PDB file of N, CA and C in Angstrom:
ATOM      1  N   UNK A   1     220.706 -62.906 -56.068  1.00  0.00           N
ATOM      2  CA  UNK A   1     219.743 -63.402 -55.120  1.00  0.00           C
ATOM      3  C   UNK A   1     220.400 -63.708 -53.783  1.00  0.00           C
ATOM      4  N   UNK A   2     221.671 -64.125 -53.810  1.00  0.00           N
ATOM      5  CA  UNK A   2     222.349 -64.444 -52.568  1.00  0.00           C
ATOM      6  C   UNK A   2     222.610 -63.175 -51.748  1.00  0.00           C
ATOM      7  N   UNK A   3     222.720 -62.022 -52.457  1.00  0.00           N
ATOM      8  CA  UNK A   3     222.883 -60.754 -51.746  1.00  0.00           C
ATOM      9  C   UNK A   3     221.663 -60.452 -50.904  1.00  0.00           C
ATOM     10  N   UNK A   4     220.520 -60.697 -51.449  1.00  0.00           N
ATOM     11  CA  UNK A   4     219.267 -60.446 -50.727  1.00  0.00           C
ATOM     12  C   UNK A   4     219.180 -61.377 -49.517  1.00  0.00           C
ATOM     13  N   UNK A   5     219.577 -62.624 -49.694  1.00  0.00           N
ATOM     14  CA  UNK A   5     219.550 -63.576 -48.588  1.00  0.00           C
ATOM     15  C   UNK A   5     220.510 -63.137 -47.484  1.00  0.00           C
ATOM     16  N   UNK A   6     221.686 -62.641 -47.888  1.00  0.00           N
ATOM     17  CA  UNK A   6     222.636 -62.158 -46.893  1.00  0.00           C
ATOM     18  C   UNK A   6     222.085 -60.944 -46.148  1.00  0.00           C
ATOM     19  N   UNK A   7     221.450 -60.043 -46.874  1.00  0.00           N
ATOM     20  CA  UNK A   7     220.854 -58.853 -46.253  1.00  0.00           C
ATOM     21  C   UNK A   7     219.761 -59.273 -45.275  1.00  0.00           C
ATOM     22  N   UNK A   8     218.937 -60.228 -45.683  1.00  0.00           N
ATOM     23  CA  UNK A   8     217.859 -60.708 -44.815  1.00  0.00           C
ATOM     24  C   UNK A   8     218.440 -61.367 -43.570  1.00  0.00           C
ATOM     25  N   UNK A   9     219.466 -62.196 -43.755  1.00  0.00           N
ATOM     26  CA  UNK A   9     220.121 -62.834 -42.603  1.00  0.00           C
ATOM     27  C   UNK A   9     220.708 -61.786 -41.659  1.00  0.00           C
ATOM     28  N   UNK A  10     221.340 -60.786 -42.238  1.00  0.00           N
ATOM     29  CA  UNK A  10     221.924 -59.715 -41.432  1.00  0.00           C
ATOM     30  C   UNK A  10     220.841 -58.976 -40.652  1.00  0.00           C
ATOM     31  N   UNK A  11     219.721 -58.691 -41.313  1.00  0.00           N
ATOM     32  CA  UNK A  11     218.604 -58.016 -40.647  1.00  0.00           C
ATOM     33  C   UNK A  11     218.023 -58.887 -39.532  1.00  0.00           C
ATOM     34  N   UNK A  12     217.887 -60.168 -39.800  1.00  0.00           N
ATOM     35  CA  UNK A  12     217.367 -61.078 -38.780  1.00  0.00           C
ATOM     36  C   UNK A  12     218.288 -61.098 -37.558  1.00  0.00           C
ATOM     37  N   UNK A  13     219.590 -61.150 -37.799  1.00  0.00           N
ATOM     38  CA  UNK A  13     220.553 -61.132 -36.690  1.00  0.00           C
ATOM     39  C   UNK A  13     220.456 -59.832 -35.894  1.00  0.00           C
ATOM     40  N   UNK A  14     220.357 -58.716 -36.593  1.00  0.00           N
ATOM     41  CA  UNK A  14     220.247 -57.434 -35.911  1.00  0.00           C
ATOM     42  C   UNK A  14     218.954 -57.353 -35.093  1.00  0.00           C
ATOM     43  N   UNK A  15     217.879 -57.826 -35.692  1.00  0.00           N
ATOM     44  CA  UNK A  15     216.588 -57.807 -34.983  1.00  0.00           C
ATOM     45  C   UNK A  15     216.653 -58.699 -33.748  1.00  0.00           C
ATOM     46  N   UNK A  16     217.264 -59.858 -33.890  1.00  0.00           N
ATOM     47  CA  UNK A  16     217.392 -60.773 -32.752  1.00  0.00           C
ATOM     48  C   UNK A  16     218.237 -60.124 -31.646  1.00  0.00           C
ATOM     49  N   UNK A  17     219.314 -59.457 -32.021  1.00  0.00           N
ATOM     50  CA  UNK A  17     220.146 -58.764 -31.037  1.00  0.00           C
ATOM     51  C   UNK A  17     219.354 -57.645 -30.356  1.00  0.00           C
ATOM     52  N   UNK A  18     218.546 -56.929 -31.131  1.00  0.00           N
ATOM     53  CA  UNK A  18     217.729 -55.863 -30.554  1.00  0.00           C
ATOM     54  C   UNK A  18     216.720 -56.425 -29.556  1.00  0.00           C
ATOM     55  N   UNK A  19     216.092 -57.536 -29.887  1.00  0.00           N
ATOM     56  CA  UNK A  19     215.141 -58.153 -28.959  1.00  0.00           C
ATOM     57  C   UNK A  19     215.843 -58.593 -27.672  1.00  0.00           C
ATOM     58  N   UNK A  20     217.044 -59.144 -27.832  1.00  0.00           N
ATOM     59  CA  UNK A  20     217.797 -59.558 -26.645  1.00  0.00           C
ATOM     60  C   UNK A  20     218.158 -58.342 -25.784  1.00  0.00           C
ATOM     61  N   UNK A  21     218.535 -57.252 -26.439  1.00  0.00           N
ATOM     62  CA  UNK A  21     218.874 -56.042 -25.705  1.00  0.00           C
ATOM     63  C   UNK A  21     217.636 -55.471 -25.010  1.00  0.00           C
ATOM     64  N   UNK A  22     216.499 -55.491 -25.679  1.00  0.00           N
ATOM     65  CA  UNK A  22     215.249 -55.018 -25.077  1.00  0.00           C
ATOM     66  C   UNK A  22     214.912 -55.845 -23.846  1.00  0.00           C
ATOM     67  N   UNK A  23     215.021 -57.154 -23.942  1.00  0.00           N
ATOM     68  CA  UNK A  23     214.737 -58.022 -22.794  1.00  0.00           C
ATOM     69  C   UNK A  23     215.686 -57.722 -21.641  1.00  0.00           C
ATOM     70  N   UNK A  24     216.951 -57.521 -21.973  1.00  0.00           N
ATOM     71  CA  UNK A  24     217.938 -57.207 -20.940  1.00  0.00           C
ATOM     72  C   UNK A  24     217.615 -55.875 -20.272  1.00  0.00           C
ATOM     73  N   UNK A  25     217.252 -54.883 -21.055  1.00  0.00           N
ATOM     74  CA  UNK A  25     216.912 -53.572 -20.505  1.00  0.00           C
ATOM     75  C   UNK A  25     215.639 -53.625 -19.659  1.00  0.00           C
ATOM     76  N   UNK A  26     214.663 -54.414 -20.081  1.00  0.00           N
ATOM     77  CA  UNK A  26     213.433 -54.561 -19.296  1.00  0.00           C
ATOM     78  C   UNK A  26     213.729 -55.222 -17.952  1.00  0.00           C
ATOM     79  N   UNK A  27     214.572 -56.244 -17.975  1.00  0.00           N
ATOM     80  CA  UNK A  27     214.955 -56.924 -16.737  1.00  0.00           C
ATOM     81  C   UNK A  27     215.692 -55.959 -15.816  1.00  0.00           C
ATOM     82  N   UNK A  28     216.607 -55.191 -16.381  1.00  0.00           N
ATOM     83  CA  UNK A  28     217.350 -54.201 -15.611  1.00  0.00           C
ATOM     84  C   UNK A  28     216.415 -53.146 -15.028  1.00  0.00           C
ATOM     85  N   UNK A  29     215.444 -52.735 -15.809  1.00  0.00           N
ATOM     86  CA  UNK A  29     214.467 -51.749 -15.350  1.00  0.00           C
ATOM     87  C   UNK A  29     213.661 -52.279 -14.171  1.00  0.00           C
ATOM     88  N   UNK A  30     213.248 -53.515 -14.233  1.00  0.00           N
ATOM     89  CA  UNK A  30     212.489 -54.124 -13.139  1.00  0.00           C
ATOM     90  C   UNK A  30     213.336 -54.197 -11.877  1.00  0.00           C
ATOM     91  N   UNK A  31     214.602 -54.590 -12.041  1.00  0.00           N
ATOM     92  CA  UNK A  31     215.508 -54.657 -10.885  1.00  0.00           C
ATOM     93  C   UNK A  31     215.716 -53.282 -10.266  1.00  0.00           C
ATOM     94  N   UNK A  32     215.884 -52.264 -11.103  1.00  0.00           N
ATOM     95  CA  UNK A  32     216.094 -50.911 -10.601  1.00  0.00           C
ATOM     96  C   UNK A  32     214.845 -50.374  -9.898  1.00  0.00           C
ATOM     97  N   UNK A  33     213.669 -50.708 -10.427  1.00  0.00           N
ATOM     98  CA  UNK A  33     212.424 -50.280  -9.767  1.00  0.00           C
ATOM     99  C   UNK A  33     212.294 -50.928  -8.395  1.00  0.00           C
ATOM    100  N   UNK A  34     212.648 -52.193  -8.298  1.00  0.00           N
ATOM    101  CA  UNK A  34     212.592 -52.882  -7.007  1.00  0.00           C
ATOM    102  C   UNK A  34     213.581 -52.256  -6.029  1.00  0.00           C
ATOM    103  N   UNK A  35     214.775 -51.948  -6.511  1.00  0.00           N
ATOM    104  CA  UNK A  35     215.787 -51.315  -5.664  1.00  0.00           C
ATOM    105  C   UNK A  35     215.323 -49.930  -5.220  1.00  0.00           C
ATOM    106  N   UNK A  36     214.690 -49.196  -6.117  1.00  0.00           N
ATOM    107  CA  UNK A  36     214.167 -47.871  -5.789  1.00  0.00           C
ATOM    108  C   UNK A  36     213.083 -47.962  -4.723  1.00  0.00           C
ATOM    109  N   UNK A  37     212.199 -48.943  -4.841  1.00  0.00           N
ATOM    110  CA  UNK A  37     211.151 -49.130  -3.843  1.00  0.00           C
ATOM    111  C   UNK A  37     211.741 -49.466  -2.477  1.00  0.00           C
ATOM    112  N   UNK A  38     212.771 -50.309  -2.467  1.00  0.00           N
ATOM    113  CA  UNK A  38     213.431 -50.636  -1.201  1.00  0.00           C
ATOM    114  C   UNK A  38     214.059 -49.390  -0.590  1.00  0.00           C
ATOM    115  N   UNK A  39     214.715 -48.593  -1.415  1.00  0.00           N
ATOM    116  CA  UNK A  39     215.371 -47.381  -0.926  1.00  0.00           C
ATOM    117  C   UNK A  39     214.339 -46.389  -0.385  1.00  0.00           C
ATOM    118  N   UNK A  40     213.207 -46.267  -1.070  1.00  0.00           N
ATOM    119  CA  UNK A  40     212.159 -45.359  -0.607  1.00  0.00           C
ATOM    120  C   UNK A  40     211.596 -45.821   0.733  1.00  0.00           C
ATOM    121  N   UNK A  41     211.405 -47.120   0.877  1.00  0.00           N
ATOM    122  CA  UNK A  41     210.900 -47.655   2.145  1.00  0.00           C
ATOM    123  C   UNK A  41     211.912 -47.421   3.262  1.00  0.00           C
ATOM    124  N   UNK A  42     213.187 -47.607   2.963  1.00  0.00           N
ATOM    125  CA  UNK A  42     214.235 -47.379   3.953  1.00  0.00           C
ATOM    126  C   UNK A  42     214.278 -45.911   4.366  1.00  0.00           C
ATOM    127  N   UNK A  43     214.161 -45.016   3.409  1.00  0.00           N
ATOM    128  CA  UNK A  43     214.162 -43.581   3.705  1.00  0.00           C
ATOM    129  C   UNK A  43     212.981 -43.212   4.586  1.00  0.00           C
ATOM    130  N   UNK A  44     211.818 -43.748   4.265  1.00  0.00           N
ATOM    131  CA  UNK A  44     210.633 -43.469   5.065  1.00  0.00           C
ATOM    132  C   UNK A  44     210.801 -43.997   6.484  1.00  0.00           C
ATOM    133  N   UNK A  45     211.342 -45.182   6.608  1.00  0.00           N
ATOM    134  CA  UNK A  45     211.578 -45.772   7.924  1.00  0.00           C
ATOM    135  C   UNK A  45     212.566 -44.932   8.722  1.00  0.00           C
ATOM    136  N   UNK A  46     213.639 -44.525   8.085  1.00  0.00           N
ATOM    137  CA  UNK A  46     214.655 -43.732   8.768  1.00  0.00           C
ATOM    138  C   UNK A  46     214.135 -42.344   9.133  1.00  0.00           C
ATOM    139  N   UNK A  47     213.279 -41.779   8.300  1.00  0.00           N
ATOM    140  CA  UNK A  47     212.690 -40.476   8.619  1.00  0.00           C
ATOM    141  C   UNK A  47     211.837 -40.570   9.876  1.00  0.00           C
ATOM    142  N   UNK A  48     211.044 -41.634   9.979  1.00  0.00           N
ATOM    143  CA  UNK A  48     210.244 -41.846  11.178  1.00  0.00           C
ATOM    144  C   UNK A  48     211.117 -42.027  12.408  1.00  0.00           C
ATOM    145  N   UNK A  49     212.194 -42.754  12.239  1.00  0.00           N
ATOM    146  CA  UNK A  49     213.115 -42.984  13.349  1.00  0.00           C
ATOM    147  C   UNK A  49     213.792 -41.684  13.774  1.00  0.00           C
ATOM    148  N   UNK A  50     214.144 -40.847  12.814  1.00  0.00           N
ATOM    149  CA  UNK A  50     214.764 -39.553  13.123  1.00  0.00           C
ATOM    150  C   UNK A  50     213.803 -38.685  13.920  1.00  0.00           C
ATOM    151  N   UNK A  51     212.548 -38.650  13.507  1.00  0.00           N
ATOM    152  CA  UNK A  51     211.541 -37.854  14.222  1.00  0.00           C
ATOM    153  C   UNK A  51     211.388 -38.356  15.646  1.00  0.00           C
ATOM    154  N   UNK A  52     211.319 -39.666  15.813  1.00  0.00           N
ATOM    155  CA  UNK A  52     211.177 -40.240  17.151  1.00  0.00           C
ATOM    156  C   UNK A  52     212.392 -39.921  18.018  1.00  0.00           C
ATOM    157  N   UNK A  53     213.587 -40.019  17.440  1.00  0.00           N
ATOM    158  CA  UNK A  53     214.806 -39.737  18.195  1.00  0.00           C
ATOM    159  C   UNK A  53     214.910 -38.251  18.575  1.00  0.00           C
ATOM    160  N   UNK A  54     214.493 -37.367  17.675  1.00  0.00           N
ATOM    161  CA  UNK A  54     214.497 -35.938  18.000  1.00  0.00           C
ATOM    162  C   UNK A  54     213.539 -35.645  19.150  1.00  0.00           C
ATOM    163  N   UNK A  55     212.373 -36.271  19.092  1.00  0.00           N
ATOM    164  CA  UNK A  55     211.401 -36.093  20.170  1.00  0.00           C
ATOM    165  C   UNK A  55     211.963 -36.606  21.493  1.00  0.00           C
ATOM    166  N   UNK A  56     212.585 -37.767  21.447  1.00  0.00           N
ATOM    167  CA  UNK A  56     213.179 -38.345  22.649  1.00  0.00           C
ATOM    168  C   UNK A  56     214.307 -37.455  23.173  1.00  0.00           C
ATOM    169  N   UNK A  57     215.102 -36.901  22.277  1.00  0.00           N
ATOM    170  CA  UNK A  57     216.190 -36.011  22.664  1.00  0.00           C
ATOM    171  C   UNK A  57     215.641 -34.764  23.360  1.00  0.00           C
ATOM    172  N   UNK A  58     214.583 -34.180  22.802  1.00  0.00           N
ATOM    173  CA  UNK A  58     213.968 -33.012  23.424  1.00  0.00           C
ATOM    174  C   UNK A  58     213.426 -33.349  24.809  1.00  0.00           C
ATOM    175  N   UNK A  59     212.797 -34.513  24.920  1.00  0.00           N
ATOM    176  CA  UNK A  59     212.268 -34.937  26.218  1.00  0.00           C
ATOM    177  C   UNK A  59     213.391 -35.126  27.224  1.00  0.00           C
ATOM    178  N   UNK A  60     214.491 -35.711  26.783  1.00  0.00           N
ATOM    179  CA  UNK A  60     215.626 -35.911  27.677  1.00  0.00           C
ATOM    180  C   UNK A  60     216.258 -34.585  28.094  1.00  0.00           C
ATOM    181  N   UNK A  61     216.332 -33.639  27.162  1.00  0.00           N
ATOM    182  CA  UNK A  61     216.854 -32.324  27.508  1.00  0.00           C
ATOM    183  C   UNK A  61     215.975 -31.656  28.564  1.00  0.00           C
ATOM    184  N   UNK A  62     214.655 -31.761  28.381  1.00  0.00           N
ATOM    185  CA  UNK A  62     213.723 -31.161  29.324  1.00  0.00           C
ATOM    186  C   UNK A  62     213.849 -31.840  30.685  1.00  0.00           C
ATOM    187  N   UNK A  63     213.925 -33.148  30.701  1.00  0.00           N
ATOM    188  CA  UNK A  63     214.055 -33.877  31.957  1.00  0.00           C
ATOM    189  C   UNK A  63     215.366 -33.524  32.649  1.00  0.00           C
ATOM    190  N   UNK A  64     216.425 -33.407  31.886  1.00  0.00           N
ATOM    191  CA  UNK A  64     217.727 -33.045  32.443  1.00  0.00           C
ATOM    192  C   UNK A  64     217.684 -31.656  33.059  1.00  0.00           C
ATOM    193  N   UNK A  65     217.037 -30.738  32.369  1.00  0.00           N
ATOM    194  CA  UNK A  65     216.982 -29.381  32.899  1.00  0.00           C
ATOM    195  C   UNK A  65     216.090 -29.316  34.136  1.00  0.00           C
ATOM    196  N   UNK A  66     215.046 -30.133  34.186  1.00  0.00           N
ATOM    197  CA  UNK A  66     214.186 -30.159  35.371  1.00  0.00           C
ATOM    198  C   UNK A  66     214.893 -30.795  36.554  1.00  0.00           C
ATOM    199  N   UNK A  67     215.828 -31.656  36.279  1.00  0.00           N
ATOM    200  CA  UNK A  67     216.572 -32.314  37.357  1.00  0.00           C
ATOM    201  C   UNK A  67     217.716 -31.444  37.886  1.00  0.00           C
ATOM    202  N   UNK A  68     217.858 -30.274  37.341  1.00  0.00           N
ATOM    203  CA  UNK A  68     218.856 -29.364  37.873  1.00  0.00           C
ATOM    204  C   UNK A  68     220.034 -29.121  36.980  1.00  0.00           C
ATOM    205  N   UNK A  69     219.932 -29.509  35.739  1.00  0.00           N
ATOM    206  CA  UNK A  69     221.020 -29.233  34.805  1.00  0.00           C
ATOM    207  C   UNK A  69     221.120 -27.739  34.561  1.00  0.00           C
ATOM    208  N   UNK A  70     222.290 -27.177  34.684  1.00  0.00           N
ATOM    209  CA  UNK A  70     222.485 -25.730  34.577  1.00  0.00           C
ATOM    210  C   UNK A  70     222.442 -25.236  33.119  1.00  0.00           C
ATOM    211  N   UNK A  71     222.811 -26.081  32.178  1.00  0.00           N
ATOM    212  CA  UNK A  71     222.957 -25.621  30.802  1.00  0.00           C
ATOM    213  C   UNK A  71     221.626 -25.304  30.132  1.00  0.00           C
ATOM    214  N   UNK A  72     220.540 -25.965  30.539  1.00  0.00           N
ATOM    215  CA  UNK A  72     219.241 -25.735  29.916  1.00  0.00           C
ATOM    216  C   UNK A  72     218.281 -25.021  30.860  1.00  0.00           C
ATOM    217  N   UNK A  73     218.799 -24.373  31.875  1.00  0.00           N
ATOM    218  CA  UNK A  73     217.973 -23.738  32.883  1.00  0.00           C
ATOM    219  C   UNK A  73     217.079 -22.655  32.277  1.00  0.00           C
ATOM    220  N   UNK A  74     217.626 -21.844  31.417  1.00  0.00           N
ATOM    221  CA  UNK A  74     216.867 -20.758  30.788  1.00  0.00           C
ATOM    222  C   UNK A  74     215.753 -21.321  29.916  1.00  0.00           C
ATOM    223  N   UNK A  75     216.064 -22.332  29.126  1.00  0.00           N
ATOM    224  CA  UNK A  75     215.057 -22.947  28.262  1.00  0.00           C
ATOM    225  C   UNK A  75     213.916 -23.530  29.084  1.00  0.00           C
ATOM    226  N   UNK A  76     214.238 -24.122  30.204  1.00  0.00           N
ATOM    227  CA  UNK A  76     213.213 -24.718  31.061  1.00  0.00           C
ATOM    228  C   UNK A  76     212.293 -23.641  31.618  1.00  0.00           C
ATOM    229  N   UNK A  77     212.892 -22.553  32.082  1.00  0.00           N
ATOM    230  CA  UNK A  77     212.075 -21.458  32.614  1.00  0.00           C
ATOM    231  C   UNK A  77     211.157 -20.895  31.541  1.00  0.00           C
ATOM    232  N   UNK A  78     211.667 -20.733  30.326  1.00  0.00           N
ATOM    233  CA  UNK A  78     210.847 -20.221  29.227  1.00  0.00           C
ATOM    234  C   UNK A  78     209.711 -21.187  28.903  1.00  0.00           C
ATOM    235  N   UNK A  79     210.007 -22.472  28.900  1.00  0.00           N
ATOM    236  CA  UNK A  79     208.979 -23.476  28.601  1.00  0.00           C
ATOM    237  C   UNK A  79     207.906 -23.480  29.683  1.00  0.00           C
ATOM    238  N   UNK A  80     208.330 -23.393  30.964  1.00  0.00           N
ATOM    239  CA  UNK A  80     207.369 -23.376  32.069  1.00  0.00           C
ATOM    240  C   UNK A  80     206.498 -22.128  31.976  1.00  0.00           C
ATOM    241  N   UNK A  81     207.111 -20.970  31.686  1.00  0.00           N
ATOM    242  CA  UNK A  81     206.335 -19.736  31.539  1.00  0.00           C
ATOM    243  C   UNK A  81     205.336 -19.846  30.392  1.00  0.00           C
ATOM    244  N   UNK A  82     205.753 -20.469  29.309  1.00  0.00           N
ATOM    245  CA  UNK A  82     204.855 -20.675  28.169  1.00  0.00           C
ATOM    246  C   UNK A  82     203.681 -21.571  28.554  1.00  0.00           C
ATOM    247  N   UNK A  83     203.965 -22.626  29.275  1.00  0.00           N
ATOM    248  CA  UNK A  83     202.902 -23.534  29.719  1.00  0.00           C
ATOM    249  C   UNK A  83     201.945 -22.831  30.679  1.00  0.00           C
ATOM    250  N   UNK A  84     202.482 -21.994  31.571  1.00  0.00           N
ATOM    251  CA  UNK A  84     201.629 -21.255  32.507  1.00  0.00           C
ATOM    252  C   UNK A  84     200.711 -20.308  31.745  1.00  0.00           C
ATOM    253  N   UNK A  85     201.243 -19.617  30.738  1.00  0.00           N
ATOM    254  CA  UNK A  85     200.417 -18.726  29.919  1.00  0.00           C
ATOM    255  C   UNK A  85     199.308 -19.505  29.218  1.00  0.00           C
ATOM    256  N   UNK A  86     199.633 -20.673  28.689  1.00  0.00           N
ATOM    257  CA  UNK A  86     198.616 -21.498  28.025  1.00  0.00           C
ATOM    258  C   UNK A  86     197.540 -21.939  29.009  1.00  0.00           C
ATOM    259  N   UNK A  87     197.941 -22.310  30.217  1.00  0.00           N
ATOM    260  CA  UNK A  87     196.970 -22.726  31.244  1.00  0.00           C
ATOM    261  C   UNK A  87     196.081 -21.544  31.635  1.00  0.00           C
ATOM    262  N   UNK A  88     196.683 -20.371  31.813  1.00  0.00           N
ATOM    263  CA  UNK A  88     195.909 -19.167  32.137  1.00  0.00           C
ATOM    264  C   UNK A  88     194.906 -18.853  31.041  1.00  0.00           C
ATOM    265  N   UNK A  89     195.329 -19.002  29.784  1.00  0.00           N
ATOM    266  CA  UNK A  89     194.429 -18.745  28.663  1.00  0.00           C
ATOM    267  C   UNK A  89     193.270 -19.731  28.669  1.00  0.00           C
ATOM    268  N   UNK A  90     193.558 -20.994  28.941  1.00  0.00           N
ATOM    269  CA  UNK A  90     192.495 -22.015  29.001  1.00  0.00           C
ATOM    270  C   UNK A  90     191.508 -21.727  30.136  1.00  0.00           C
ATOM    271  N   UNK A  91     192.040 -21.304  31.281  1.00  0.00           N
ATOM    272  CA  UNK A  91     191.174 -20.985  32.433  1.00  0.00           C
ATOM    273  C   UNK A  91     190.291 -19.801  32.084  1.00  0.00           C
ATOM    274  N   UNK A  92     190.870 -18.799  31.411  1.00  0.00           N
ATOM    275  CA  UNK A  92     190.081 -17.629  31.013  1.00  0.00           C
ATOM    276  C   UNK A  92     188.994 -18.027  30.019  1.00  0.00           C
ATOM    277  N   UNK A  93     189.285 -18.935  29.114  1.00  0.00           N
ATOM    278  CA  UNK A  93     188.297 -19.382  28.149  1.00  0.00           C
ATOM    279  C   UNK A  93     187.170 -20.156  28.832  1.00  0.00           C
ATOM    280  N   UNK A  94     187.508 -20.945  29.840  1.00  0.00           N
ATOM    281  CA  UNK A  94     186.516 -21.731  30.551  1.00  0.00           C
ATOM    282  C   UNK A  94     185.630 -20.854  31.426  1.00  0.00           C
ATOM    283  N   UNK A  95     186.171 -19.765  31.948  1.00  0.00           N
ATOM    284  CA  UNK A  95     185.384 -18.922  32.839  1.00  0.00           C
ATOM    285  C   UNK A  95     184.428 -18.019  32.073  1.00  0.00           C
ATOM    286  N   UNK A  96     184.612 -17.857  30.778  1.00  0.00           N
ATOM    287  CA  UNK A  96     183.699 -17.016  29.981  1.00  0.00           C
ATOM    288  C   UNK A  96     182.401 -17.684  29.692  1.00  0.00           C
TER     289      UNK A  96
END
């Protein structure tokens, strides 16, 4: 009979350890989910910032080339020609 009691005690100890491990894993899972959410928010924020900075960089390049910068002279001429074509197309659409 004492063997059965020992087996039961051993099972109870194992079950208690399993419950403790489950609680620990659940806590760890919650912490990791929170960390993941923070990382996702940071990535989204940084992506928006990258887009804004790229736009600002393009604007600065255009402004620099309009102010007489030699390195972007060709790009500026192409952009101006593109804008003129778009304006001509709009005028043609309005006159129809």
